[in-house]
Amino acid sequence: MTLFFSHPSDEKITVTKLDAAKRQLRTAITLWFTDGDPVSVHTLIAAAHEITHSLFRMRGFSGLLYDNKLIREEYRGDLAKRLKQFSTFFKHAQKDPDAEIMFDPTLNELLLIFVTVGIQSIEPLVGPVETSFLLWVALHRPDVYPLGIEIEKRVSAGTLKSLRKMGRREYFQAYHANLGSSLR
């Protein structure tokens, strides 16, 4: 009798902390773009954020989310507590098995931005899923993440205008079918 379900072709893989965060991030981004379950997106991105935040600070960086200079020092602890309440709720039931929580899925986009930027700071070469998300944010939230000059040189104004009009799912499919290869 085996303790785990496995398939004969399953192989063990070596995973670093950064690998785990990147895998969680990519899966969360893909689910977010394809209108996947927002609780699952949040659980994945919160786990990725926890790893990314630690690695970010260990490498001497600061200003990711909980220690961002845009947030006054006296409010940072409260912000961290409020943000972590959802991931804690989604993971644990020992103390409150019948509890309910009001969750705003728009929080996921904010966390996706911070984790993607954090991972990009740790390891500048991010994959096509992360790149597609950063371009989405640049196109739809330019006040948060402005479009880079390099992208504006490589993509026509008409294409950028068309991408801005697309919904998330349509954009994600179009990016990975056409645009992504021209931006790598």
C-alpha atoms as a PDB file:
ATOM      1  CA  MET A   1       0.000   0.000   0.000  1.00  0.00           C
ATOM      2  CA  THR A   2       1.379   3.403  -0.939  1.00  0.00           C
ATOM      3  CA  LEU A   3       0.732   6.535   1.041  1.00  0.00           C
ATOM      4  CA  PHE A   4       0.620   8.783  -2.022  1.00  0.00           C
ATOM      5  CA  PHE A   5      -1.229   8.605  -5.278  1.00  0.00           C
ATOM      6  CA  SER A   6       1.226   8.585  -8.101  1.00  0.00           C
ATOM      7  CA  HIS A   7       1.547   7.778 -11.723  1.00  0.00           C
ATOM      8  CA  PRO A   8       4.449   5.650 -12.956  1.00  0.00           C
ATOM      9  CA  SER A   9       5.743   8.564 -15.059  1.00  0.00           C
ATOM     10  CA  ASP A  10       5.731  11.015 -12.146  1.00  0.00           C
ATOM     11  CA  GLU A  11       9.220  12.197 -11.343  1.00  0.00           C
ATOM     12  CA  LYS A  12      10.450  14.056  -8.314  1.00  0.00           C
ATOM     13  CA  ILE A  13      11.425  17.641  -8.962  1.00  0.00           C
ATOM     14  CA  THR A  14      13.777  19.933  -7.121  1.00  0.00           C
ATOM     15  CA  VAL A  15      12.104  23.206  -6.215  1.00  0.00           C
ATOM     16  CA  THR A  16      13.729  26.246  -4.638  1.00  0.00           C
ATOM     17  CA  LYS A  17      11.753  28.802  -2.667  1.00  0.00           C
ATOM     18  CA  LEU A  18      11.958  31.207  -5.624  1.00  0.00           C
ATOM     19  CA  ASP A  19      10.812  28.426  -7.985  1.00  0.00           C
ATOM     20  CA  ALA A  20       7.810  27.775  -5.735  1.00  0.00           C
ATOM     21  CA  ALA A  21       6.881  31.470  -5.679  1.00  0.00           C
ATOM     22  CA  LYS A  22       7.236  31.736  -9.457  1.00  0.00           C
ATOM     23  CA  ARG A  23       5.084  28.645 -10.018  1.00  0.00           C
ATOM     24  CA  GLN A  24       2.420  29.942  -7.646  1.00  0.00           C
ATOM     25  CA  LEU A  25       2.529  33.359  -9.301  1.00  0.00           C
ATOM     26  CA  ARG A  26       2.232  31.944 -12.831  1.00  0.00           C
ATOM     27  CA  THR A  27      -0.688  29.772 -11.856  1.00  0.00           C
ATOM     28  CA  ALA A  28      -2.395  32.676 -10.059  1.00  0.00           C
ATOM     29  CA  ILE A  29      -1.905  34.980 -13.058  1.00  0.00           C
ATOM     30  CA  THR A  30      -3.277  32.366 -15.448  1.00  0.00           C
ATOM     31  CA  LEU A  31      -6.319  31.799 -13.223  1.00  0.00           C
ATOM     32  CA  TRP A  32      -6.812  35.574 -12.858  1.00  0.00           C
ATOM     33  CA  PHE A  33      -6.720  36.149 -16.622  1.00  0.00           C
ATOM     34  CA  THR A  34      -9.100  33.250 -17.297  1.00  0.00           C
ATOM     35  CA  ASP A  35     -11.600  34.230 -14.586  1.00  0.00           C
ATOM     36  CA  GLY A  36     -10.618  31.355 -12.333  1.00  0.00           C
ATOM     37  CA  ASP A  37     -11.792  31.111  -8.767  1.00  0.00           C
ATOM     38  CA  PRO A  38     -10.740  34.316  -6.908  1.00  0.00           C
ATOM     39  CA  VAL A  39     -10.232  32.467  -3.610  1.00  0.00           C
ATOM     40  CA  SER A  40      -7.801  30.076  -5.289  1.00  0.00           C
ATOM     41  CA  VAL A  41      -6.042  33.002  -6.983  1.00  0.00           C
ATOM     42  CA  HIS A  42      -5.730  34.731  -3.624  1.00  0.00           C
ATOM     43  CA  THR A  43      -4.450  31.651  -1.824  1.00  0.00           C
ATOM     44  CA  LEU A  44      -1.765  31.082  -4.461  1.00  0.00           C
ATOM     45  CA  ILE A  45      -0.715  34.723  -4.657  1.00  0.00           C
ATOM     46  CA  ALA A  46      -0.610  35.104  -0.875  1.00  0.00           C
ATOM     47  CA  ALA A  47       1.705  32.084  -0.628  1.00  0.00           C
ATOM     48  CA  ALA A  48       3.875  33.487  -3.431  1.00  0.00           C
ATOM     49  CA  HIS A  49       3.914  36.885  -1.713  1.00  0.00           C
ATOM     50  CA  GLU A  50       5.059  35.398   1.571  1.00  0.00           C
ATOM     51  CA  ILE A  51       8.069  33.771  -0.094  1.00  0.00           C
ATOM     52  CA  THR A  52       8.793  36.729  -2.372  1.00  0.00           C
ATOM     53  CA  HIS A  53       8.634  39.258   0.452  1.00  0.00           C
ATOM     54  CA  SER A  54      11.150  37.266   2.506  1.00  0.00           C
ATOM     55  CA  LEU A  55      13.540  36.741  -0.423  1.00  0.00           C
ATOM     56  CA  PHE A  56      13.158  40.381  -1.458  1.00  0.00           C
ATOM     57  CA  ARG A  57      14.219  41.603   1.990  1.00  0.00           C
ATOM     58  CA  MET A  58      17.031  39.013   2.324  1.00  0.00           C
ATOM     59  CA  ARG A  59      18.544  40.383  -0.866  1.00  0.00           C
ATOM     60  CA  GLY A  60      18.585  43.882   0.606  1.00  0.00           C
ATOM     61  CA  PHE A  61      15.560  45.277  -1.183  1.00  0.00           C
ATOM     62  CA  SER A  62      12.754  47.165   0.515  1.00  0.00           C
ATOM     63  CA  GLY A  63       9.493  48.820  -0.402  1.00  0.00           C
ATOM     64  CA  LEU A  64       7.594  45.839  -1.763  1.00  0.00           C
ATOM     65  CA  LEU A  65       4.252  45.952   0.059  1.00  0.00           C
ATOM     66  CA  TYR A  66       4.383  45.752   3.836  1.00  0.00           C
ATOM     67  CA  ASP A  67       7.354  48.112   3.992  1.00  0.00           C
ATOM     68  CA  ASN A  68       6.401  50.336   1.072  1.00  0.00           C
ATOM     69  CA  LYS A  69       7.316  53.965   1.627  1.00  0.00           C
ATOM     70  CA  LEU A  70       3.928  55.068   0.277  1.00  0.00           C
ATOM     71  CA  ILE A  71       2.402  53.617   3.444  1.00  0.00           C
ATOM     72  CA  ARG A  72       3.148  55.505   6.634  1.00  0.00           C
ATOM     73  CA  GLU A  73       5.139  53.500   9.161  1.00  0.00           C
ATOM     74  CA  GLU A  74       2.399  53.544  11.797  1.00  0.00           C
ATOM     75  CA  TYR A  75      -0.110  51.935   9.393  1.00  0.00           C
ATOM     76  CA  ARG A  76       2.090  49.168   7.977  1.00  0.00           C
ATOM     77  CA  GLY A  77       1.373  46.621  10.715  1.00  0.00           C
ATOM     78  CA  ASP A  78      -2.359  47.146  10.409  1.00  0.00           C
ATOM     79  CA  LEU A  79      -2.172  46.867   6.614  1.00  0.00           C
ATOM     80  CA  ALA A  80      -0.245  43.589   6.837  1.00  0.00           C
ATOM     81  CA  LYS A  81      -2.751  42.210   9.336  1.00  0.00           C
ATOM     82  CA  ARG A  82      -5.722  43.203   7.166  1.00  0.00           C
ATOM     83  CA  LEU A  83      -4.193  41.745   4.015  1.00  0.00           C
ATOM     84  CA  LYS A  84      -3.174  38.495   5.698  1.00  0.00           C
ATOM     85  CA  GLN A  85      -6.632  37.939   7.217  1.00  0.00           C
ATOM     86  CA  PHE A  86      -7.935  36.514   3.935  1.00  0.00           C
ATOM     87  CA  SER A  87      -5.117  34.063   3.261  1.00  0.00           C
ATOM     88  CA  THR A  88      -5.246  32.951   6.892  1.00  0.00           C
ATOM     89  CA  PHE A  89      -8.995  32.466   6.659  1.00  0.00           C
ATOM     90  CA  PHE A  90      -8.662  30.478   3.419  1.00  0.00           C
ATOM     91  CA  LYS A  91      -6.045  28.144   4.938  1.00  0.00           C
ATOM     92  CA  HIS A  92      -7.210  27.435   8.487  1.00  0.00           C
ATOM     93  CA  ALA A  93     -10.380  26.259  10.229  1.00  0.00           C
ATOM     94  CA  GLN A  94      -9.247  25.034  13.659  1.00  0.00           C
ATOM     95  CA  LYS A  95     -10.517  28.015  15.646  1.00  0.00           C
ATOM     96  CA  ASP A  96     -13.487  29.088  13.531  1.00  0.00           C
ATOM     97  CA  PRO A  97     -14.869  26.238  11.393  1.00  0.00           C
ATOM     98  CA  ASP A  98     -18.201  27.970  10.765  1.00  0.00           C
ATOM     99  CA  ALA A  99     -16.881  31.484  10.145  1.00  0.00           C
ATOM    100  CA  GLU A 100     -17.543  33.579   7.067  1.00  0.00           C
ATOM    101  CA  ILE A 101     -15.577  36.454   5.590  1.00  0.00           C
ATOM    102  CA  MET A 102     -16.346  39.200   3.071  1.00  0.00           C
ATOM    103  CA  PHE A 103     -13.614  39.060   0.430  1.00  0.00           C
ATOM    104  CA  ASP A 104     -13.067  41.613  -2.334  1.00  0.00           C
ATOM    105  CA  PRO A 105     -11.418  39.823  -5.300  1.00  0.00           C
ATOM    106  CA  THR A 106     -10.016  43.110  -6.630  1.00  0.00           C
ATOM    107  CA  LEU A 107      -7.337  42.715  -3.952  1.00  0.00           C
ATOM    108  CA  ASN A 108      -5.865  39.943  -6.085  1.00  0.00           C
ATOM    109  CA  GLU A 109      -4.737  42.334  -8.801  1.00  0.00           C
ATOM    110  CA  LEU A 110      -2.853  44.445  -6.269  1.00  0.00           C
ATOM    111  CA  LEU A 111      -1.072  41.418  -4.825  1.00  0.00           C
ATOM    112  CA  LEU A 112      -0.292  40.086  -8.297  1.00  0.00           C
ATOM    113  CA  ILE A 113       1.376  43.405  -9.148  1.00  0.00           C
ATOM    114  CA  PHE A 114       3.527  43.434  -6.021  1.00  0.00           C
ATOM    115  CA  VAL A 115       4.583  39.804  -6.304  1.00  0.00           C
ATOM    116  CA  THR A 116       5.381  40.093 -10.008  1.00  0.00           C
ATOM    117  CA  VAL A 117       7.459  43.228  -9.459  1.00  0.00           C
ATOM    118  CA  GLY A 118       9.119  41.626  -6.429  1.00  0.00           C
ATOM    119  CA  ILE A 119      10.109  38.514  -8.347  1.00  0.00           C
ATOM    120  CA  GLN A 120      11.263  40.654 -11.266  1.00  0.00           C
ATOM    121  CA  SER A 121      13.525  42.563  -8.836  1.00  0.00           C
ATOM    122  CA  ILE A 122      14.995  39.325  -7.493  1.00  0.00           C
ATOM    123  CA  GLU A 123      15.370  37.715 -10.914  1.00  0.00           C
ATOM    124  CA  PRO A 124      15.017  40.194 -13.798  1.00  0.00           C
ATOM    125  CA  LEU A 125      14.261  37.553 -16.449  1.00  0.00           C
ATOM    126  CA  VAL A 126      10.612  36.751 -15.869  1.00  0.00           C
ATOM    127  CA  GLY A 127       8.631  34.415 -18.109  1.00  0.00           C
ATOM    128  CA  PRO A 128       5.923  35.142 -20.666  1.00  0.00           C
ATOM    129  CA  VAL A 129       3.061  34.777 -18.187  1.00  0.00           C
ATOM    130  CA  GLU A 130       4.532  37.403 -15.862  1.00  0.00           C
ATOM    131  CA  THR A 131       5.429  39.615 -18.826  1.00  0.00           C
ATOM    132  CA  SER A 132       1.880  39.404 -20.170  1.00  0.00           C
ATOM    133  CA  PHE A 133       0.558  40.459 -16.766  1.00  0.00           C
ATOM    134  CA  LEU A 134       2.968  43.397 -16.458  1.00  0.00           C
ATOM    135  CA  LEU A 135       2.001  44.580 -19.934  1.00  0.00           C
ATOM    136  CA  TRP A 136      -1.693  44.250 -19.002  1.00  0.00           C
ATOM    137  CA  VAL A 137      -1.116  46.410 -15.932  1.00  0.00           C
ATOM    138  CA  ALA A 138       0.898  48.928 -17.964  1.00  0.00           C
ATOM    139  CA  LEU A 139      -1.913  49.155 -20.515  1.00  0.00           C
ATOM    140  CA  HIS A 140      -4.815  49.258 -18.055  1.00  0.00           C
ATOM    141  CA  ARG A 141      -3.244  50.782 -14.915  1.00  0.00           C
ATOM    142  CA  PRO A 142      -0.589  53.173 -16.267  1.00  0.00           C
ATOM    143  CA  ASP A 143      -0.730  55.185 -13.049  1.00  0.00           C
ATOM    144  CA  VAL A 144       0.450  52.072 -11.181  1.00  0.00           C
ATOM    145  CA  TYR A 145       2.891  50.578 -13.688  1.00  0.00           C
ATOM    146  CA  PRO A 146       3.716  52.816 -16.675  1.00  0.00           C
ATOM    147  CA  LEU A 147       4.346  51.332 -20.102  1.00  0.00           C
ATOM    148  CA  GLY A 148       8.041  51.010 -20.833  1.00  0.00           C
ATOM    149  CA  ILE A 149       9.649  52.908 -23.689  1.00  0.00           C
ATOM    150  CA  GLU A 150      11.150  49.648 -24.975  1.00  0.00           C
ATOM    151  CA  ILE A 151       7.694  48.125 -25.490  1.00  0.00           C
ATOM    152  CA  GLU A 152       6.392  51.281 -27.170  1.00  0.00           C
ATOM    153  CA  LYS A 153       9.260  50.999 -29.685  1.00  0.00           C
ATOM    154  CA  ARG A 154       8.511  47.349 -30.474  1.00  0.00           C
ATOM    155  CA  VAL A 155       4.703  47.393 -30.637  1.00  0.00           C
ATOM    156  CA  SER A 156       2.687  49.623 -32.922  1.00  0.00           C
ATOM    157  CA  ALA A 157       0.373  52.263 -31.491  1.00  0.00           C
ATOM    158  CA  GLY A 158      -2.545  50.492 -33.183  1.00  0.00           C
ATOM    159  CA  THR A 159      -1.705  47.194 -31.498  1.00  0.00           C
ATOM    160  CA  LEU A 160      -1.420  48.885 -28.108  1.00  0.00           C
ATOM    161  CA  LYS A 161      -4.785  50.603 -28.650  1.00  0.00           C
ATOM    162  CA  SER A 162      -6.355  47.279 -29.601  1.00  0.00           C
ATOM    163  CA  LEU A 163      -4.868  45.541 -26.541  1.00  0.00           C
ATOM    164  CA  ARG A 164      -6.246  48.256 -24.259  1.00  0.00           C
ATOM    165  CA  LYS A 165      -9.764  47.498 -25.495  1.00  0.00           C
ATOM    166  CA  MET A 166      -9.550  43.753 -24.831  1.00  0.00           C
ATOM    167  CA  GLY A 167     -10.935  42.027 -21.779  1.00  0.00           C
ATOM    168  CA  ARG A 168      -8.551  40.005 -19.632  1.00  0.00           C
ATOM    169  CA  ARG A 169      -9.219  36.588 -21.169  1.00  0.00           C
ATOM    170  CA  GLU A 170      -9.131  37.853 -24.759  1.00  0.00           C
ATOM    171  CA  TYR A 171      -5.928  39.809 -24.077  1.00  0.00           C
ATOM    172  CA  PHE A 172      -4.219  36.813 -22.443  1.00  0.00           C
ATOM    173  CA  GLN A 173      -5.060  34.561 -25.387  1.00  0.00           C
ATOM    174  CA  ALA A 174      -3.975  37.178 -27.932  1.00  0.00           C
ATOM    175  CA  TYR A 175      -0.747  37.903 -26.079  1.00  0.00           C
ATOM    176  CA  HIS A 176       0.300  34.275 -25.884  1.00  0.00           C
ATOM    177  CA  ALA A 177      -0.841  33.475 -29.424  1.00  0.00           C
ATOM    178  CA  ASN A 178       0.797  36.449 -31.152  1.00  0.00           C
ATOM    179  CA  LEU A 179       2.380  39.277 -29.239  1.00  0.00           C
ATOM    180  CA  GLY A 180       4.428  37.428 -26.616  1.00  0.00           C
ATOM    181  CA  SER A 181       7.010  36.066 -29.036  1.00  0.00           C
ATOM    182  CA  SER A 182       7.761  39.552 -30.380  1.00  0.00           C
ATOM    183  CA  LEU A 183       8.490  40.935 -26.900  1.00  0.00           C
ATOM    184  CA  ARG A 184      10.984  38.321 -25.715  1.00  0.00           C
END
